[in-house]
Amino acid sequence: MLTPRQKAPDLSVETLGLGRFDLADEAPQRFTLICFYRGLHCPICANYLKELERHTPAFAERGVTTIAISSDNAERARSMAEKVGASELRFGYGLSLATAREWGLYISASRGKTSIGIEEPALFSEPGVFLIRPDKTIYYLSVQSMPFVRPNFGEMVQALNFVIKNDYPARGEFTGAV
């Protein structure tokens, strides 16, 4: 189980037009926000990523870089980026399911076509949002077993104001006996 303050797993994926994203090489002022999404087949992901696109400049003002990543191939990732109207948000693709598991993401099996008529991949990861410090330790994580009820990016921007002002530590780090 991943916990705050521990080193994040390795993460390296291709991006749309920006070369390879490698978390080891990422150098944000404060955090890297990684948003794992289900894929092009998910209409909820599209709306969620539109919200992240809209808030990406506010994250950048607070020293936070952003990237959305799925196990989709380049063509499907490009279609999602177009659907979202991405101009600020980076899109990574080709996430291996083994890496998704290392990040604690849930894996689902296809149920065929979704409500928007797009075929689900045979297997794909469910959503997760992470804030990773420049030293590659986990600050915040939220993983979902369903596409519904995800962290709100507007609230996260406001929370970052508090975190930055008060040098608020990562919480949920205790792993000892209880």
N, C-alpha and C. Protein backbone atom coordinates (compact mmCIF):
# COMPACT_ATOMS: atom_id res chain seq x y z
N MET A 1 0.84 -1.18 0.00
CA MET A 1 0.00 0.00 0.00
C MET A 1 0.89 1.25 0.00
N LEU A 2 0.59 2.17 -0.90
CA LEU A 2 1.33 3.42 -0.93
C LEU A 2 0.86 4.33 0.19
N THR A 3 1.81 5.05 0.77
CA THR A 3 1.47 5.99 1.83
C THR A 3 2.21 7.30 1.60
N PRO A 4 1.65 8.40 2.09
CA PRO A 4 2.34 9.68 2.01
C PRO A 4 3.71 9.61 2.67
N ARG A 5 4.61 10.42 2.19
CA ARG A 5 5.99 10.57 2.64
C ARG A 5 6.92 9.44 2.19
N GLN A 6 6.38 8.42 1.50
CA GLN A 6 7.25 7.39 0.95
C GLN A 6 7.57 7.76 -0.50
N LYS A 7 8.65 7.18 -1.02
CA LYS A 7 9.04 7.44 -2.40
C LYS A 7 7.97 6.89 -3.34
N ALA A 8 7.63 7.68 -4.34
CA ALA A 8 6.66 7.25 -5.34
C ALA A 8 7.29 6.18 -6.23
N PRO A 9 6.48 5.27 -6.76
CA PRO A 9 7.01 4.30 -7.71
C PRO A 9 7.54 5.01 -8.96
N ASP A 10 8.38 4.32 -9.70
CA ASP A 10 8.87 4.87 -10.96
C ASP A 10 7.69 5.08 -11.91
N LEU A 11 7.81 6.08 -12.77
CA LEU A 11 6.76 6.35 -13.74
C LEU A 11 7.38 7.01 -14.96
N SER A 12 7.21 6.37 -16.10
CA SER A 12 7.75 6.89 -17.35
C SER A 12 6.80 6.50 -18.47
N VAL A 13 6.27 7.50 -19.18
CA VAL A 13 5.35 7.27 -20.30
C VAL A 13 5.64 8.27 -21.41
N GLU A 14 5.23 7.91 -22.61
CA GLU A 14 5.30 8.86 -23.72
C GLU A 14 4.20 9.90 -23.55
N THR A 15 4.42 11.08 -24.09
CA THR A 15 3.41 12.14 -24.06
C THR A 15 3.05 12.56 -25.48
N LEU A 16 1.97 13.27 -25.60
CA LEU A 16 1.56 13.80 -26.89
C LEU A 16 2.41 15.03 -27.19
N GLY A 17 3.35 14.88 -28.08
CA GLY A 17 4.13 16.00 -28.57
C GLY A 17 5.19 16.58 -27.66
N LEU A 18 5.40 16.01 -26.50
CA LEU A 18 6.37 16.58 -25.56
C LEU A 18 7.44 15.57 -25.15
N GLY A 19 7.62 14.51 -25.93
CA GLY A 19 8.63 13.52 -25.60
C GLY A 19 8.20 12.65 -24.44
N ARG A 20 9.15 12.07 -23.80
CA ARG A 20 8.88 11.13 -22.71
C ARG A 20 8.76 11.88 -21.38
N PHE A 21 7.73 11.55 -20.61
CA PHE A 21 7.60 12.03 -19.24
C PHE A 21 8.23 10.98 -18.35
N ASP A 22 9.18 11.41 -17.54
CA ASP A 22 9.78 10.52 -16.55
C ASP A 22 9.74 11.25 -15.22
N LEU A 23 9.02 10.69 -14.27
CA LEU A 23 8.87 11.35 -12.97
C LEU A 23 10.24 11.64 -12.36
N ALA A 24 11.21 10.78 -12.60
CA ALA A 24 12.55 10.99 -12.04
C ALA A 24 13.18 12.29 -12.53
N ASP A 25 12.79 12.74 -13.72
CA ASP A 25 13.36 13.96 -14.31
C ASP A 25 12.50 15.20 -14.07
N GLU A 26 11.32 15.02 -13.54
CA GLU A 26 10.39 16.14 -13.31
C GLU A 26 10.94 17.03 -12.20
N ALA A 27 10.94 18.34 -12.42
CA ALA A 27 11.52 19.27 -11.44
C ALA A 27 10.56 20.43 -11.16
N PRO A 28 9.41 20.15 -10.54
CA PRO A 28 8.49 21.24 -10.22
C PRO A 28 9.00 22.05 -9.04
N GLN A 29 8.48 23.25 -8.91
CA GLN A 29 8.82 24.05 -7.73
C GLN A 29 8.29 23.39 -6.46
N ARG A 30 7.02 22.90 -6.51
CA ARG A 30 6.41 22.32 -5.30
C ARG A 30 5.91 20.89 -5.47
N PHE A 31 5.15 20.63 -6.53
CA PHE A 31 4.56 19.31 -6.72
C PHE A 31 4.40 18.99 -8.19
N THR A 32 4.28 17.69 -8.47
CA THR A 32 3.77 17.20 -9.75
C THR A 32 2.42 16.59 -9.46
N LEU A 33 1.39 17.05 -10.15
CA LEU A 33 0.07 16.48 -10.02
C LEU A 33 -0.09 15.46 -11.14
N ILE A 34 -0.27 14.20 -10.76
CA ILE A 34 -0.48 13.13 -11.72
C ILE A 34 -1.93 12.69 -11.61
N CYS A 35 -2.63 12.79 -12.72
CA CYS A 35 -4.03 12.36 -12.77
C CYS A 35 -4.11 11.15 -13.69
N PHE A 36 -4.27 9.97 -13.09
CA PHE A 36 -4.47 8.77 -13.88
C PHE A 36 -5.96 8.70 -14.24
N TYR A 37 -6.24 8.50 -15.53
CA TYR A 37 -7.64 8.42 -15.95
C TYR A 37 -7.88 7.11 -16.68
N ARG A 38 -9.14 6.73 -16.79
CA ARG A 38 -9.54 5.42 -17.31
C ARG A 38 -9.26 5.26 -18.80
N GLY A 39 -9.47 6.31 -19.58
CA GLY A 39 -9.25 6.23 -21.02
C GLY A 39 -10.33 6.95 -21.79
N LEU A 40 -10.16 6.97 -23.11
CA LEU A 40 -11.08 7.67 -24.02
C LEU A 40 -12.52 7.21 -23.85
N HIS A 41 -12.72 5.97 -23.49
CA HIS A 41 -14.07 5.41 -23.38
C HIS A 41 -14.89 6.02 -22.25
N CYS A 42 -14.26 6.76 -21.35
CA CYS A 42 -14.94 7.22 -20.13
C CYS A 42 -15.41 8.68 -20.26
N PRO A 43 -16.72 8.91 -20.35
CA PRO A 43 -17.22 10.28 -20.44
C PRO A 43 -16.99 11.08 -19.15
N ILE A 44 -16.95 10.40 -18.02
CA ILE A 44 -16.70 11.09 -16.75
C ILE A 44 -15.26 11.60 -16.73
N CYS A 45 -14.34 10.79 -17.26
CA CYS A 45 -12.93 11.23 -17.36
C CYS A 45 -12.81 12.48 -18.22
N ALA A 46 -13.52 12.52 -19.33
CA ALA A 46 -13.44 13.68 -20.22
C ALA A 46 -13.84 14.95 -19.47
N ASN A 47 -14.94 14.89 -18.74
CA ASN A 47 -15.38 16.07 -17.98
C ASN A 47 -14.39 16.42 -16.87
N TYR A 48 -13.85 15.39 -16.23
CA TYR A 48 -12.88 15.60 -15.15
C TYR A 48 -11.61 16.25 -15.69
N LEU A 49 -11.15 15.78 -16.83
CA LEU A 49 -9.94 16.34 -17.42
C LEU A 49 -10.16 17.75 -17.96
N LYS A 50 -11.38 18.06 -18.38
CA LYS A 50 -11.69 19.45 -18.74
C LYS A 50 -11.50 20.36 -17.53
N GLU A 51 -11.92 19.88 -16.36
CA GLU A 51 -11.73 20.64 -15.13
C GLU A 51 -10.24 20.82 -14.83
N LEU A 52 -9.46 19.75 -14.99
CA LEU A 52 -8.03 19.85 -14.74
C LEU A 52 -7.37 20.79 -15.75
N GLU A 53 -7.76 20.73 -17.00
CA GLU A 53 -7.24 21.66 -18.02
C GLU A 53 -7.52 23.09 -17.59
N ARG A 54 -8.73 23.35 -17.14
CA ARG A 54 -9.13 24.70 -16.72
C ARG A 54 -8.31 25.19 -15.53
N HIS A 55 -7.95 24.28 -14.63
CA HIS A 55 -7.21 24.66 -13.42
C HIS A 55 -5.69 24.55 -13.57
N THR A 56 -5.21 24.01 -14.66
CA THR A 56 -3.76 23.84 -14.82
C THR A 56 -2.99 25.15 -14.68
N PRO A 57 -3.46 26.28 -15.23
CA PRO A 57 -2.72 27.53 -14.99
C PRO A 57 -2.66 27.92 -13.50
N ALA A 58 -3.73 27.67 -12.76
CA ALA A 58 -3.73 27.97 -11.32
C ALA A 58 -2.75 27.06 -10.58
N PHE A 59 -2.68 25.81 -10.99
CA PHE A 59 -1.68 24.92 -10.40
C PHE A 59 -0.28 25.42 -10.70
N ALA A 60 -0.06 25.81 -11.95
CA ALA A 60 1.27 26.30 -12.35
C ALA A 60 1.68 27.52 -11.54
N GLU A 61 0.72 28.43 -11.26
CA GLU A 61 1.01 29.61 -10.43
C GLU A 61 1.47 29.22 -9.04
N ARG A 62 1.11 28.03 -8.60
CA ARG A 62 1.47 27.55 -7.26
C ARG A 62 2.66 26.58 -7.30
N GLY A 63 3.33 26.50 -8.45
CA GLY A 63 4.51 25.65 -8.57
C GLY A 63 4.21 24.18 -8.76
N VAL A 64 3.05 23.90 -9.37
CA VAL A 64 2.62 22.52 -9.57
C VAL A 64 2.52 22.22 -11.06
N THR A 65 3.24 21.20 -11.53
CA THR A 65 3.10 20.74 -12.90
C THR A 65 1.99 19.69 -12.95
N THR A 66 1.37 19.53 -14.11
CA THR A 66 0.25 18.59 -14.24
C THR A 66 0.46 17.66 -15.42
N ILE A 67 -0.06 16.45 -15.28
CA ILE A 67 -0.09 15.50 -16.38
C ILE A 67 -1.25 14.53 -16.17
N ALA A 68 -1.94 14.19 -17.26
CA ALA A 68 -3.00 13.18 -17.26
C ALA A 68 -2.45 11.96 -17.98
N ILE A 69 -2.62 10.78 -17.39
CA ILE A 69 -2.02 9.55 -17.92
C ILE A 69 -3.04 8.42 -17.94
N SER A 70 -3.03 7.66 -19.04
CA SER A 70 -3.86 6.46 -19.14
C SER A 70 -3.08 5.36 -19.84
N SER A 71 -3.67 4.19 -19.89
CA SER A 71 -3.06 3.08 -20.62
C SER A 71 -3.48 3.09 -22.08
N ASP A 72 -4.25 4.08 -22.50
CA ASP A 72 -4.62 4.20 -23.91
C ASP A 72 -3.38 4.32 -24.78
N ASN A 73 -3.55 4.01 -26.07
CA ASN A 73 -2.47 4.23 -27.03
C ASN A 73 -2.46 5.70 -27.45
N ALA A 74 -1.51 6.08 -28.27
CA ALA A 74 -1.35 7.48 -28.67
C ALA A 74 -2.59 8.03 -29.37
N GLU A 75 -3.19 7.24 -30.23
CA GLU A 75 -4.37 7.71 -30.97
C GLU A 75 -5.54 8.02 -30.04
N ARG A 76 -5.79 7.12 -29.12
CA ARG A 76 -6.89 7.35 -28.17
C ARG A 76 -6.58 8.50 -27.23
N ALA A 77 -5.32 8.62 -26.79
CA ALA A 77 -4.93 9.74 -25.92
C ALA A 77 -5.10 11.06 -26.67
N ARG A 78 -4.72 11.09 -27.94
CA ARG A 78 -4.88 12.31 -28.75
C ARG A 78 -6.36 12.68 -28.88
N SER A 79 -7.20 11.68 -29.09
CA SER A 79 -8.64 11.94 -29.18
C SER A 79 -9.18 12.52 -27.87
N MET A 80 -8.69 12.00 -26.74
CA MET A 80 -9.13 12.54 -25.44
C MET A 80 -8.64 13.96 -25.27
N ALA A 81 -7.39 14.22 -25.61
CA ALA A 81 -6.84 15.58 -25.48
C ALA A 81 -7.64 16.56 -26.33
N GLU A 82 -8.04 16.14 -27.52
CA GLU A 82 -8.86 16.99 -28.39
C GLU A 82 -10.24 17.21 -27.78
N LYS A 83 -10.83 16.15 -27.25
CA LYS A 83 -12.15 16.24 -26.62
C LYS A 83 -12.12 17.21 -25.44
N VAL A 84 -11.03 17.20 -24.70
CA VAL A 84 -10.86 18.05 -23.52
C VAL A 84 -10.50 19.49 -23.92
N GLY A 85 -10.00 19.66 -25.13
CA GLY A 85 -9.53 20.98 -25.56
C GLY A 85 -8.22 21.33 -24.88
N ALA A 86 -7.36 20.34 -24.69
CA ALA A 86 -6.12 20.53 -23.94
C ALA A 86 -5.16 21.45 -24.67
N SER A 87 -4.74 22.48 -23.96
CA SER A 87 -3.66 23.34 -24.45
C SER A 87 -2.61 23.53 -23.37
N GLU A 88 -2.98 23.34 -22.12
CA GLU A 88 -2.08 23.49 -20.98
C GLU A 88 -1.69 22.14 -20.37
N LEU A 89 -2.62 21.22 -20.33
CA LEU A 89 -2.44 19.93 -19.67
C LEU A 89 -1.67 18.96 -20.55
N ARG A 90 -0.62 18.37 -19.98
CA ARG A 90 0.12 17.32 -20.70
C ARG A 90 -0.67 16.02 -20.65
N PHE A 91 -0.56 15.25 -21.72
CA PHE A 91 -1.19 13.94 -21.79
C PHE A 91 -0.13 12.88 -22.00
N GLY A 92 -0.10 11.89 -21.10
CA GLY A 92 0.77 10.74 -21.23
C GLY A 92 -0.07 9.53 -21.60
N TYR A 93 0.55 8.59 -22.29
CA TYR A 93 -0.18 7.40 -22.73
C TYR A 93 0.71 6.17 -22.64
N GLY A 94 0.06 5.01 -22.76
CA GLY A 94 0.80 3.76 -22.75
C GLY A 94 1.19 3.28 -21.36
N LEU A 95 0.49 3.73 -20.33
CA LEU A 95 0.76 3.26 -18.97
C LEU A 95 0.56 1.75 -18.91
N SER A 96 1.57 1.03 -18.47
CA SER A 96 1.41 -0.42 -18.35
C SER A 96 0.54 -0.72 -17.14
N LEU A 97 -0.21 -1.79 -17.22
CA LEU A 97 -1.07 -2.16 -16.10
C LEU A 97 -0.24 -2.60 -14.90
N ALA A 98 0.95 -3.13 -15.15
CA ALA A 98 1.84 -3.48 -14.04
C ALA A 98 2.25 -2.22 -13.28
N THR A 99 2.56 -1.15 -14.01
CA THR A 99 2.91 0.12 -13.36
C THR A 99 1.69 0.69 -12.65
N ALA A 100 0.53 0.59 -13.26
CA ALA A 100 -0.71 1.06 -12.62
C ALA A 100 -0.89 0.37 -11.27
N ARG A 101 -0.65 -0.92 -11.24
CA ARG A 101 -0.75 -1.67 -9.98
C ARG A 101 0.25 -1.18 -8.95
N GLU A 102 1.49 -0.89 -9.40
CA GLU A 102 2.51 -0.38 -8.47
C GLU A 102 2.05 0.93 -7.83
N TRP A 103 1.26 1.72 -8.56
CA TRP A 103 0.73 2.98 -8.06
C TRP A 103 -0.54 2.79 -7.25
N GLY A 104 -0.95 1.55 -7.05
CA GLY A 104 -2.13 1.26 -6.23
C GLY A 104 -3.45 1.46 -6.95
N LEU A 105 -3.40 1.57 -8.29
CA LEU A 105 -4.64 1.77 -9.04
C LEU A 105 -5.38 0.45 -9.20
N TYR A 106 -6.69 0.53 -9.17
CA TYR A 106 -7.53 -0.63 -9.40
C TYR A 106 -7.58 -0.92 -10.89
N ILE A 107 -7.72 -2.19 -11.24
CA ILE A 107 -7.79 -2.60 -12.64
C ILE A 107 -9.18 -3.18 -12.89
N SER A 108 -9.79 -2.77 -14.01
CA SER A 108 -11.11 -3.27 -14.38
C SER A 108 -11.05 -3.99 -15.72
N ALA A 109 -11.98 -4.91 -15.92
CA ALA A 109 -12.12 -5.63 -17.18
C ALA A 109 -13.21 -4.97 -18.02
N SER A 110 -13.08 -5.08 -19.31
CA SER A 110 -14.03 -4.47 -20.25
C SER A 110 -15.44 -5.00 -20.06
N ARG A 111 -16.38 -4.10 -20.26
CA ARG A 111 -17.80 -4.47 -20.29
C ARG A 111 -18.37 -4.11 -21.65
N GLY A 112 -17.48 -3.96 -22.65
CA GLY A 112 -17.94 -3.64 -24.01
C GLY A 112 -17.95 -2.15 -24.26
N LYS A 113 -18.96 -1.70 -24.99
CA LYS A 113 -19.07 -0.28 -25.31
C LYS A 113 -19.69 0.50 -24.15
N THR A 114 -19.20 1.72 -23.99
CA THR A 114 -19.72 2.58 -22.92
C THR A 114 -20.95 3.34 -23.41
N SER A 115 -21.50 4.17 -22.56
CA SER A 115 -22.69 4.95 -22.89
C SER A 115 -22.47 5.89 -24.07
N ILE A 116 -21.20 6.21 -24.37
CA ILE A 116 -20.91 7.08 -25.51
C ILE A 116 -20.46 6.28 -26.73
N GLY A 117 -20.62 4.95 -26.67
CA GLY A 117 -20.38 4.10 -27.83
C GLY A 117 -18.93 3.81 -28.14
N ILE A 118 -18.04 3.97 -27.15
CA ILE A 118 -16.62 3.68 -27.36
C ILE A 118 -16.27 2.41 -26.60
N GLU A 119 -15.60 1.51 -27.28
CA GLU A 119 -15.22 0.22 -26.70
C GLU A 119 -14.19 0.41 -25.58
N GLU A 120 -14.44 -0.22 -24.44
CA GLU A 120 -13.45 -0.23 -23.37
C GLU A 120 -12.31 -1.17 -23.75
N PRO A 121 -11.08 -0.85 -23.34
CA PRO A 121 -9.99 -1.81 -23.53
C PRO A 121 -10.28 -3.09 -22.73
N ALA A 122 -9.62 -4.18 -23.08
CA ALA A 122 -9.83 -5.44 -22.38
C ALA A 122 -9.59 -5.27 -20.88
N LEU A 123 -8.53 -4.57 -20.52
CA LEU A 123 -8.22 -4.22 -19.13
C LEU A 123 -7.76 -2.77 -19.10
N PHE A 124 -8.11 -2.06 -18.04
CA PHE A 124 -7.69 -0.67 -17.90
C PHE A 124 -7.68 -0.30 -16.42
N SER A 125 -6.96 0.76 -16.09
CA SER A 125 -6.89 1.18 -14.69
C SER A 125 -7.99 2.19 -14.38
N GLU A 126 -8.41 2.16 -13.14
CA GLU A 126 -9.38 3.13 -12.63
C GLU A 126 -8.63 4.40 -12.22
N PRO A 127 -9.35 5.48 -11.90
CA PRO A 127 -8.71 6.78 -11.65
C PRO A 127 -7.89 6.87 -10.37
N GLY A 128 -6.96 7.79 -10.40
CA GLY A 128 -6.17 8.13 -9.22
C GLY A 128 -5.55 9.49 -9.41
N VAL A 129 -5.42 10.24 -8.32
CA VAL A 129 -4.78 11.56 -8.35
C VAL A 129 -3.69 11.57 -7.28
N PHE A 130 -2.52 12.06 -7.66
CA PHE A 130 -1.36 12.10 -6.77
C PHE A 130 -0.70 13.46 -6.84
N LEU A 131 -0.23 13.94 -5.71
CA LEU A 131 0.70 15.07 -5.66
C LEU A 131 2.03 14.52 -5.19
N ILE A 132 3.06 14.73 -6.00
CA ILE A 132 4.39 14.20 -5.72
C ILE A 132 5.34 15.38 -5.51
N ARG A 133 6.07 15.35 -4.42
CA ARG A 133 7.04 16.42 -4.12
C ARG A 133 8.24 16.32 -5.06
N PRO A 134 9.01 17.41 -5.16
CA PRO A 134 10.22 17.37 -6.01
C PRO A 134 11.20 16.26 -5.61
N ASP A 135 11.20 15.85 -4.33
CA ASP A 135 12.10 14.77 -3.91
C ASP A 135 11.52 13.38 -4.23
N LYS A 136 10.39 13.37 -4.96
CA LYS A 136 9.72 12.14 -5.45
C LYS A 136 8.98 11.38 -4.36
N THR A 137 8.70 12.03 -3.24
CA THR A 137 7.87 11.40 -2.22
C THR A 137 6.42 11.79 -2.44
N ILE A 138 5.54 10.91 -2.00
CA ILE A 138 4.11 11.14 -2.14
C ILE A 138 3.65 12.12 -1.08
N TYR A 139 2.94 13.16 -1.52
CA TYR A 139 2.36 14.12 -0.58
C TYR A 139 0.87 13.80 -0.38
N TYR A 140 0.18 13.53 -1.48
CA TYR A 140 -1.27 13.31 -1.45
C TYR A 140 -1.59 12.20 -2.44
N LEU A 141 -2.55 11.35 -2.07
CA LEU A 141 -3.02 10.36 -3.03
C LEU A 141 -4.48 10.06 -2.80
N SER A 142 -5.15 9.81 -3.91
CA SER A 142 -6.55 9.40 -3.88
C SER A 142 -6.77 8.46 -5.04
N VAL A 143 -7.18 7.24 -4.74
CA VAL A 143 -7.48 6.28 -5.81
C VAL A 143 -8.94 5.84 -5.68
N GLN A 144 -9.55 5.60 -6.81
CA GLN A 144 -10.95 5.20 -6.84
C GLN A 144 -11.09 3.84 -7.50
N SER A 145 -12.06 3.07 -7.04
CA SER A 145 -12.37 1.79 -7.68
C SER A 145 -13.49 1.95 -8.70
N MET A 146 -14.01 3.14 -8.80
CA MET A 146 -15.11 3.46 -9.72
C MET A 146 -14.81 4.79 -10.40
N PRO A 147 -15.48 5.09 -11.49
CA PRO A 147 -15.22 6.36 -12.17
C PRO A 147 -15.86 7.57 -11.47
N PHE A 148 -16.67 7.34 -10.47
CA PHE A 148 -17.44 8.41 -9.84
C PHE A 148 -16.72 9.04 -8.64
N VAL A 149 -17.14 10.24 -8.26
CA VAL A 149 -16.77 10.92 -7.03
C VAL A 149 -15.24 11.05 -6.89
N ARG A 150 -14.68 11.98 -7.62
CA ARG A 150 -13.24 12.19 -7.63
C ARG A 150 -12.89 13.50 -6.92
N PRO A 151 -11.62 13.67 -6.53
CA PRO A 151 -11.21 14.92 -5.89
C PRO A 151 -11.49 16.12 -6.81
N ASN A 152 -11.91 17.21 -6.20
CA ASN A 152 -12.26 18.43 -6.94
C ASN A 152 -11.01 19.29 -7.11
N PHE A 153 -10.67 19.60 -8.36
CA PHE A 153 -9.44 20.35 -8.62
C PHE A 153 -9.53 21.80 -8.14
N GLY A 154 -10.69 22.40 -8.19
CA GLY A 154 -10.85 23.76 -7.65
C GLY A 154 -10.57 23.79 -6.16
N GLU A 155 -11.09 22.81 -5.44
CA GLU A 155 -10.82 22.72 -4.00
C GLU A 155 -9.35 22.42 -3.75
N MET A 156 -8.74 21.63 -4.62
CA MET A 156 -7.33 21.29 -4.45
C MET A 156 -6.46 22.54 -4.61
N VAL A 157 -6.80 23.40 -5.56
CA VAL A 157 -6.06 24.65 -5.73
C VAL A 157 -6.15 25.48 -4.45
N GLN A 158 -7.34 25.59 -3.89
CA GLN A 158 -7.53 26.35 -2.64
C GLN A 158 -6.77 25.70 -1.48
N ALA A 159 -6.80 24.37 -1.42
CA ALA A 159 -6.07 23.66 -0.36
C ALA A 159 -4.58 23.92 -0.49
N LEU A 160 -4.08 24.01 -1.70
CA LEU A 160 -2.65 24.28 -1.90
C LEU A 160 -2.26 25.63 -1.34
N ASN A 161 -3.16 26.60 -1.41
CA ASN A 161 -2.87 27.90 -0.79
C ASN A 161 -2.57 27.73 0.69
N PHE A 162 -3.38 26.94 1.37
CA PHE A 162 -3.18 26.67 2.79
C PHE A 162 -1.90 25.87 3.01
N VAL A 163 -1.69 24.83 2.21
CA VAL A 163 -0.50 23.98 2.32
C VAL A 163 0.77 24.81 2.19
N ILE A 164 0.80 25.68 1.20
CA ILE A 164 1.99 26.49 0.94
C ILE A 164 2.20 27.50 2.07
N LYS A 165 1.14 28.20 2.44
CA LYS A 165 1.24 29.23 3.48
C LYS A 165 1.71 28.65 4.81
N ASN A 166 1.23 27.45 5.14
CA ASN A 166 1.50 26.86 6.46
C ASN A 166 2.53 25.73 6.45
N ASP A 167 3.15 25.51 5.30
CA ASP A 167 4.12 24.41 5.17
C ASP A 167 3.51 23.13 5.76
N TYR A 168 2.28 22.85 5.36
CA TYR A 168 1.51 21.74 5.92
C TYR A 168 2.12 20.41 5.49
N PRO A 169 2.36 19.50 6.44
CA PRO A 169 3.00 18.23 6.09
C PRO A 169 2.01 17.24 5.46
N ALA A 170 2.58 16.27 4.77
CA ALA A 170 1.76 15.16 4.26
C ALA A 170 1.18 14.40 5.45
N ARG A 171 -0.04 13.95 5.32
CA ARG A 171 -0.71 13.23 6.40
C ARG A 171 -1.04 11.82 5.93
N GLY A 172 -1.29 10.93 6.89
CA GLY A 172 -1.62 9.54 6.57
C GLY A 172 -0.40 8.67 6.43
N GLU A 173 0.71 9.11 6.99
CA GLU A 173 2.00 8.44 6.81
C GLU A 173 2.26 7.31 7.82
N PHE A 174 1.47 7.23 8.90
CA PHE A 174 1.75 6.27 9.96
C PHE A 174 1.44 4.85 9.49
N THR A 175 2.41 3.96 9.61
CA THR A 175 2.23 2.57 9.16
C THR A 175 2.50 1.57 10.28
N GLY A 176 2.69 2.06 11.50
CA GLY A 176 2.95 1.16 12.63
C GLY A 176 1.70 0.43 13.10
N ALA A 177 1.88 -0.39 14.10
CA ALA A 177 0.77 -1.15 14.67
C ALA A 177 -0.24 -0.20 15.31
N VAL A 178 -1.48 -0.54 15.21
CA VAL A 178 -2.55 0.26 15.83
C VAL A 178 -3.41 -0.61 16.73
